[in-house]
Amino acid sequence: AWAWTEFRHDGYGRFRSLEGAWRLDTVFSYPGGELPIQALRTAREGKALWLLAGIHGEEAVGVEIVYRFLTTFDLNGLGGRLLVLPVANPLSYASISRVTPIDGGNLNRVFPGNPDGLLTEQLAHKMTEGFLRKIDYYVDMHAGGAYPTVDYVYILNAEDLSRAFGSRLLYRAKETLAGTSVSVTRELNIPSVV
């Protein structure tokens, strides 16, 4: 059995880390805060999955799904690494905004980012170099913003992964929007679902 221990950080107070198994890392520091990521490395070797939510601050449903997953799913059966970024853009999340309030940037339109750019571009760069280029699978939890439910799943480059979500509606886009996190993972042939 895992021992749960709470950590508090900005809007992350509801999220928990697993004592002894979870490691909390700082992905990115900015004036007034940090962006923490939870990483679980199990005793069994395996692939790395990155589960991300809150790339747009007004999409709270994805954040809630990640919270419920972490607090109800039995993680004892996992192998490999599970990386969880429950709120990818804490500044837009805190302001319930699609964009980062400091620079007006839409985080999911500036990937792979720019290390010398605006704050949002720097965040995208850190996420790309620190994680997107080093994972085996990617799940990006989006929601509908003002209309909280999205009742479809994209088929991007891993139809079986998209179908595993059980949605009755699957959407196969003709192209991926430039500057999205999945534009990076598709380019790297990392199985991805949104």
C-alpha atoms as a PDB file:
ATOM      1  CA  ALA A   1       0.000   0.000   0.000  1.00  0.00           C
ATOM      2  CA  TRP A   2       1.177   3.492  -0.822  1.00  0.00           C
ATOM      3  CA  ALA A   3       1.412   6.198   1.807  1.00  0.00           C
ATOM      4  CA  TRP A   4      -0.127   9.452   0.569  1.00  0.00           C
ATOM      5  CA  THR A   5       1.375  12.770   1.494  1.00  0.00           C
ATOM      6  CA  GLU A   6      -0.080  16.112   0.469  1.00  0.00           C
ATOM      7  CA  PHE A   7       1.909  18.917  -1.036  1.00  0.00           C
ATOM      8  CA  ARG A   8       0.671  22.441  -1.512  1.00  0.00           C
ATOM      9  CA  HIS A   9       1.673  24.779  -4.285  1.00  0.00           C
ATOM     10  CA  ASP A  10      -0.490  27.504  -5.782  1.00  0.00           C
ATOM     11  CA  GLY A  11      -3.520  25.746  -7.325  1.00  0.00           C
ATOM     12  CA  TYR A  12      -2.058  22.284  -6.766  1.00  0.00           C
ATOM     13  CA  GLY A  13      -3.217  21.854  -3.177  1.00  0.00           C
ATOM     14  CA  ARG A  14      -5.679  19.091  -4.083  1.00  0.00           C
ATOM     15  CA  PHE A  15      -3.038  16.957  -5.746  1.00  0.00           C
ATOM     16  CA  ARG A  16      -1.089  14.416  -3.771  1.00  0.00           C
ATOM     17  CA  SER A  17       2.252  12.766  -4.208  1.00  0.00           C
ATOM     18  CA  LEU A  18       3.030   9.198  -3.256  1.00  0.00           C
ATOM     19  CA  GLU A  19       5.533   9.074  -0.443  1.00  0.00           C
ATOM     20  CA  GLY A  20       8.585   7.099  -1.468  1.00  0.00           C
ATOM     21  CA  ALA A  21       7.371   6.417  -5.002  1.00  0.00           C
ATOM     22  CA  TRP A  22       6.503   9.866  -6.341  1.00  0.00           C
ATOM     23  CA  ARG A  23       9.110  12.496  -6.932  1.00  0.00           C
ATOM     24  CA  LEU A  24       8.115  16.137  -7.275  1.00  0.00           C
ATOM     25  CA  ASP A  25      10.274  18.109  -9.680  1.00  0.00           C
ATOM     26  CA  THR A  26      10.179  21.725 -10.760  1.00  0.00           C
ATOM     27  CA  VAL A  27       9.803  21.990 -14.507  1.00  0.00           C
ATOM     28  CA  PHE A  28       9.923  25.759 -14.738  1.00  0.00           C
ATOM     29  CA  SER A  29      10.383  28.706 -12.392  1.00  0.00           C
ATOM     30  CA  TYR A  30       8.860  32.099 -13.111  1.00  0.00           C
ATOM     31  CA  PRO A  31       8.484  35.280 -11.076  1.00  0.00           C
ATOM     32  CA  GLY A  32       6.106  34.368  -8.279  1.00  0.00           C
ATOM     33  CA  GLY A  33       5.967  30.609  -8.699  1.00  0.00           C
ATOM     34  CA  GLU A  34       7.083  27.273 -10.051  1.00  0.00           C
ATOM     35  CA  LEU A  35       5.569  24.591 -12.279  1.00  0.00           C
ATOM     36  CA  PRO A  36       5.771  21.228 -10.492  1.00  0.00           C
ATOM     37  CA  ILE A  37       5.492  17.837 -12.150  1.00  0.00           C
ATOM     38  CA  GLN A  38       4.817  14.587 -10.333  1.00  0.00           C
ATOM     39  CA  ALA A  39       6.842  11.601 -11.465  1.00  0.00           C
ATOM     40  CA  LEU A  40       6.216   8.001 -10.474  1.00  0.00           C
ATOM     41  CA  ARG A  41       8.896   5.468 -11.318  1.00  0.00           C
ATOM     42  CA  THR A  42       7.757   1.967 -10.499  1.00  0.00           C
ATOM     43  CA  ALA A  43       9.929  -0.973  -9.543  1.00  0.00           C
ATOM     44  CA  ARG A  44       9.161  -2.602 -12.908  1.00  0.00           C
ATOM     45  CA  GLU A  45      10.864  -1.267 -16.027  1.00  0.00           C
ATOM     46  CA  GLY A  46       8.656   0.063 -18.763  1.00  0.00           C
ATOM     47  CA  LYS A  47       7.665   2.945 -20.991  1.00  0.00           C
ATOM     48  CA  ALA A  48       7.113   6.574 -19.959  1.00  0.00           C
ATOM     49  CA  LEU A  49       3.629   8.124 -20.183  1.00  0.00           C
ATOM     50  CA  TRP A  50       3.063  11.843 -19.720  1.00  0.00           C
ATOM     51  CA  LEU A  51      -0.435  12.831 -18.544  1.00  0.00           C
ATOM     52  CA  LEU A  52      -1.043  16.562 -18.825  1.00  0.00           C
ATOM     53  CA  ALA A  53      -4.037  18.825 -18.151  1.00  0.00           C
ATOM     54  CA  GLY A  54      -4.711  22.534 -17.744  1.00  0.00           C
ATOM     55  CA  ILE A  55      -2.787  23.713 -20.793  1.00  0.00           C
ATOM     56  CA  HIS A  56      -5.662  26.196 -21.128  1.00  0.00           C
ATOM     57  CA  GLY A  57      -6.648  27.728 -17.802  1.00  0.00           C
ATOM     58  CA  GLU A  58     -10.394  27.678 -18.350  1.00  0.00           C
ATOM     59  CA  GLU A  59     -10.392  23.911 -19.023  1.00  0.00           C
ATOM     60  CA  ALA A  60     -10.881  22.731 -15.444  1.00  0.00           C
ATOM     61  CA  VAL A  61     -12.538  19.418 -16.337  1.00  0.00           C
ATOM     62  CA  GLY A  62      -9.242  17.883 -17.498  1.00  0.00           C
ATOM     63  CA  VAL A  63      -7.609  18.946 -14.233  1.00  0.00           C
ATOM     64  CA  GLU A  64     -10.436  17.271 -12.292  1.00  0.00           C
ATOM     65  CA  ILE A  65     -10.055  14.065 -14.338  1.00  0.00           C
ATOM     66  CA  VAL A  66      -6.343  13.929 -13.509  1.00  0.00           C
ATOM     67  CA  TYR A  67      -7.124  14.521  -9.822  1.00  0.00           C
ATOM     68  CA  ARG A  68      -9.673  11.693  -9.776  1.00  0.00           C
ATOM     69  CA  PHE A  69      -7.292   9.379 -11.624  1.00  0.00           C
ATOM     70  CA  LEU A  70      -4.507  10.007  -9.105  1.00  0.00           C
ATOM     71  CA  THR A  71      -6.787   9.546  -6.104  1.00  0.00           C
ATOM     72  CA  THR A  72      -8.791   6.513  -7.234  1.00  0.00           C
ATOM     73  CA  PHE A  73      -6.677   4.429  -9.628  1.00  0.00           C
ATOM     74  CA  ASP A  74      -4.632   1.579  -8.140  1.00  0.00           C
ATOM     75  CA  LEU A  75      -1.105   2.509  -9.191  1.00  0.00           C
ATOM     76  CA  ASN A  76       0.400  -0.701  -7.811  1.00  0.00           C
ATOM     77  CA  GLY A  77      -0.032  -2.469 -11.148  1.00  0.00           C
ATOM     78  CA  LEU A  78       1.860   0.108 -13.166  1.00  0.00           C
ATOM     79  CA  GLY A  79       5.250  -0.486 -14.701  1.00  0.00           C
ATOM     80  CA  GLY A  80       7.594   2.132 -16.097  1.00  0.00           C
ATOM     81  CA  ARG A  81       7.188   5.852 -15.477  1.00  0.00           C
ATOM     82  CA  LEU A  82       4.096   7.992 -15.100  1.00  0.00           C
ATOM     83  CA  LEU A  83       4.696  11.723 -15.375  1.00  0.00           C
ATOM     84  CA  VAL A  84       1.796  13.950 -14.356  1.00  0.00           C
ATOM     85  CA  LEU A  85       1.488  17.681 -14.927  1.00  0.00           C
ATOM     86  CA  PRO A  86      -1.983  18.406 -13.511  1.00  0.00           C
ATOM     87  CA  VAL A  87      -1.977  22.138 -14.342  1.00  0.00           C
ATOM     88  CA  ALA A  88       0.311  22.912 -17.280  1.00  0.00           C
ATOM     89  CA  ASN A  89      -0.288  26.666 -17.173  1.00  0.00           C
ATOM     90  CA  PRO A  90      -0.910  27.711 -13.551  1.00  0.00           C
ATOM     91  CA  LEU A  91      -1.089  31.418 -14.380  1.00  0.00           C
ATOM     92  CA  SER A  92      -3.910  30.961 -16.898  1.00  0.00           C
ATOM     93  CA  TYR A  93      -5.554  28.419 -14.565  1.00  0.00           C
ATOM     94  CA  ALA A  94      -5.509  30.905 -11.665  1.00  0.00           C
ATOM     95  CA  SER A  95      -7.096  33.561 -13.866  1.00  0.00           C
ATOM     96  CA  ILE A  96      -9.536  31.093 -15.519  1.00  0.00           C
ATOM     97  CA  SER A  97      -8.227  32.238 -18.878  1.00  0.00           C
ATOM     98  CA  ARG A  98      -7.261  30.463 -22.094  1.00  0.00           C
ATOM     99  CA  VAL A  99      -4.094  32.565 -22.303  1.00  0.00           C
ATOM    100  CA  THR A 100      -1.250  33.402 -19.941  1.00  0.00           C
ATOM    101  CA  PRO A 101      -2.256  36.762 -18.421  1.00  0.00           C
ATOM    102  CA  ILE A 102       1.325  38.085 -18.260  1.00  0.00           C
ATOM    103  CA  ASP A 103       1.957  37.989 -22.018  1.00  0.00           C
ATOM    104  CA  GLY A 104      -1.360  36.975 -23.621  1.00  0.00           C
ATOM    105  CA  GLY A 105       0.188  33.822 -25.086  1.00  0.00           C
ATOM    106  CA  ASN A 106      -1.813  30.662 -25.812  1.00  0.00           C
ATOM    107  CA  LEU A 107       0.453  27.900 -24.499  1.00  0.00           C
ATOM    108  CA  ASN A 108      -0.959  25.363 -26.940  1.00  0.00           C
ATOM    109  CA  ARG A 109      -0.046  27.497 -29.955  1.00  0.00           C
ATOM    110  CA  VAL A 110       3.629  28.226 -29.220  1.00  0.00           C
ATOM    111  CA  PHE A 111       5.245  24.763 -29.123  1.00  0.00           C
ATOM    112  CA  PRO A 112       8.104  23.843 -29.345  1.00  0.00           C
ATOM    113  CA  GLY A 113       8.646  27.192 -27.644  1.00  0.00           C
ATOM    114  CA  ASN A 114      11.562  29.578 -27.413  1.00  0.00           C
ATOM    115  CA  PRO A 115      14.047  29.695 -24.504  1.00  0.00           C
ATOM    116  CA  ASP A 116      14.508  33.450 -25.023  1.00  0.00           C
ATOM    117  CA  GLY A 117      10.891  34.295 -25.860  1.00  0.00           C
ATOM    118  CA  LEU A 118       7.940  35.466 -23.817  1.00  0.00           C
ATOM    119  CA  LEU A 119       7.024  33.591 -20.630  1.00  0.00           C
ATOM    120  CA  THR A 120       4.527  31.318 -22.432  1.00  0.00           C
ATOM    121  CA  GLU A 121       7.118  30.462 -25.101  1.00  0.00           C
ATOM    122  CA  GLN A 122       9.709  29.702 -22.415  1.00  0.00           C
ATOM    123  CA  LEU A 123       7.253  27.388 -20.673  1.00  0.00           C
ATOM    124  CA  ALA A 124       6.544  25.530 -23.936  1.00  0.00           C
ATOM    125  CA  HIS A 125      10.291  25.215 -24.553  1.00  0.00           C
ATOM    126  CA  LYS A 126      10.890  23.720 -21.089  1.00  0.00           C
ATOM    127  CA  MET A 127       8.028  21.257 -21.559  1.00  0.00           C
ATOM    128  CA  THR A 128       9.315  20.252 -25.006  1.00  0.00           C
ATOM    129  CA  GLU A 129      12.959  19.784 -24.095  1.00  0.00           C
ATOM    130  CA  GLY A 130      12.398  18.421 -20.596  1.00  0.00           C
ATOM    131  CA  PHE A 131       9.597  15.977 -21.375  1.00  0.00           C
ATOM    132  CA  LEU A 132       8.045  15.793 -24.838  1.00  0.00           C
ATOM    133  CA  ARG A 133      11.316  14.660 -26.403  1.00  0.00           C
ATOM    134  CA  LYS A 134      11.844  12.001 -23.696  1.00  0.00           C
ATOM    135  CA  ILE A 135       8.538  10.145 -23.407  1.00  0.00           C
ATOM    136  CA  ASP A 136       6.992   7.111 -25.068  1.00  0.00           C
ATOM    137  CA  TYR A 137       3.280   8.078 -24.838  1.00  0.00           C
ATOM    138  CA  TYR A 138       1.440  11.382 -24.405  1.00  0.00           C
ATOM    139  CA  VAL A 139      -2.079  12.123 -23.126  1.00  0.00           C
ATOM    140  CA  ASP A 140      -3.233  15.761 -23.222  1.00  0.00           C
ATOM    141  CA  MET A 141      -6.513  16.231 -21.328  1.00  0.00           C
ATOM    142  CA  HIS A 142      -8.520  19.077 -22.834  1.00  0.00           C
ATOM    143  CA  ALA A 143     -12.034  20.263 -22.084  1.00  0.00           C
ATOM    144  CA  GLY A 144     -14.423  22.721 -23.629  1.00  0.00           C
ATOM    145  CA  GLY A 145     -13.619  25.830 -21.621  1.00  0.00           C
ATOM    146  CA  ALA A 146     -16.898  27.695 -21.113  1.00  0.00           C
ATOM    147  CA  TYR A 147     -18.662  24.532 -22.323  1.00  0.00           C
ATOM    148  CA  PRO A 148     -16.926  22.023 -20.049  1.00  0.00           C
ATOM    149  CA  THR A 149     -17.645  18.779 -21.867  1.00  0.00           C
ATOM    150  CA  VAL A 150     -15.799  17.634 -24.957  1.00  0.00           C
ATOM    151  CA  ASP A 151     -17.559  14.517 -26.194  1.00  0.00           C
ATOM    152  CA  TYR A 152     -14.971  13.370 -28.712  1.00  0.00           C
ATOM    153  CA  VAL A 153     -11.369  12.181 -28.817  1.00  0.00           C
ATOM    154  CA  TYR A 154      -8.912  13.010 -31.578  1.00  0.00           C
ATOM    155  CA  ILE A 155      -7.353  10.224 -33.584  1.00  0.00           C
ATOM    156  CA  LEU A 156      -3.863  11.560 -34.173  1.00  0.00           C
ATOM    157  CA  ASN A 157      -1.163   8.951 -34.603  1.00  0.00           C
ATOM    158  CA  ALA A 158      -2.293   6.142 -32.284  1.00  0.00           C
ATOM    159  CA  GLU A 159      -5.835   5.064 -33.069  1.00  0.00           C
ATOM    160  CA  ASP A 160      -5.786   2.254 -30.490  1.00  0.00           C
ATOM    161  CA  LEU A 161      -4.799   4.733 -27.761  1.00  0.00           C
ATOM    162  CA  SER A 162      -7.577   7.130 -28.824  1.00  0.00           C
ATOM    163  CA  ARG A 163     -10.152   4.322 -28.856  1.00  0.00           C
ATOM    164  CA  ALA A 164      -9.053   3.200 -25.366  1.00  0.00           C
ATOM    165  CA  PHE A 165     -10.760   6.310 -23.942  1.00  0.00           C
ATOM    166  CA  GLY A 166     -14.129   4.783 -24.840  1.00  0.00           C
ATOM    167  CA  SER A 167     -15.604   7.828 -26.538  1.00  0.00           C
ATOM    168  CA  ARG A 168     -18.381   7.140 -29.025  1.00  0.00           C
ATOM    169  CA  LEU A 169     -17.122  10.038 -31.149  1.00  0.00           C
ATOM    170  CA  LEU A 170     -13.641   9.990 -32.640  1.00  0.00           C
ATOM    171  CA  TYR A 171     -12.347  12.874 -34.738  1.00  0.00           C
ATOM    172  CA  ARG A 172      -9.639  12.398 -37.343  1.00  0.00           C
ATOM    173  CA  ALA A 173      -8.338  15.860 -38.222  1.00  0.00           C
ATOM    174  CA  LYS A 174      -6.775  16.397 -41.639  1.00  0.00           C
ATOM    175  CA  GLU A 175      -3.851  18.192 -40.043  1.00  0.00           C
ATOM    176  CA  THR A 176      -2.511  19.139 -36.647  1.00  0.00           C
ATOM    177  CA  LEU A 177      -2.600  22.800 -35.675  1.00  0.00           C
ATOM    178  CA  ALA A 178       0.869  24.314 -35.708  1.00  0.00           C
ATOM    179  CA  GLY A 179       2.299  25.169 -32.324  1.00  0.00           C
ATOM    180  CA  THR A 180       0.387  22.555 -30.314  1.00  0.00           C
ATOM    181  CA  SER A 181       2.068  20.088 -27.985  1.00  0.00           C
ATOM    182  CA  VAL A 182       0.869  17.241 -30.216  1.00  0.00           C
ATOM    183  CA  SER A 183       2.474  18.863 -33.255  1.00  0.00           C
ATOM    184  CA  VAL A 184       5.754  18.116 -31.461  1.00  0.00           C
ATOM    185  CA  THR A 185       4.839  14.561 -30.424  1.00  0.00           C
ATOM    186  CA  ARG A 186       3.536  13.690 -33.894  1.00  0.00           C
ATOM    187  CA  GLU A 187       6.766  14.937 -35.430  1.00  0.00           C
ATOM    188  CA  LEU A 188       8.650  12.662 -33.009  1.00  0.00           C
ATOM    189  CA  ASN A 189       6.289   9.697 -33.696  1.00  0.00           C
ATOM    190  CA  ILE A 190       5.230   9.554 -30.041  1.00  0.00           C
ATOM    191  CA  PRO A 191       1.777   7.934 -29.738  1.00  0.00           C
ATOM    192  CA  SER A 192      -0.502  10.739 -28.561  1.00  0.00           C
ATOM    193  CA  VAL A 193      -4.119  11.400 -27.695  1.00  0.00           C
ATOM    194  CA  VAL A 194      -6.042  14.600 -26.999  1.00  0.00           C
END
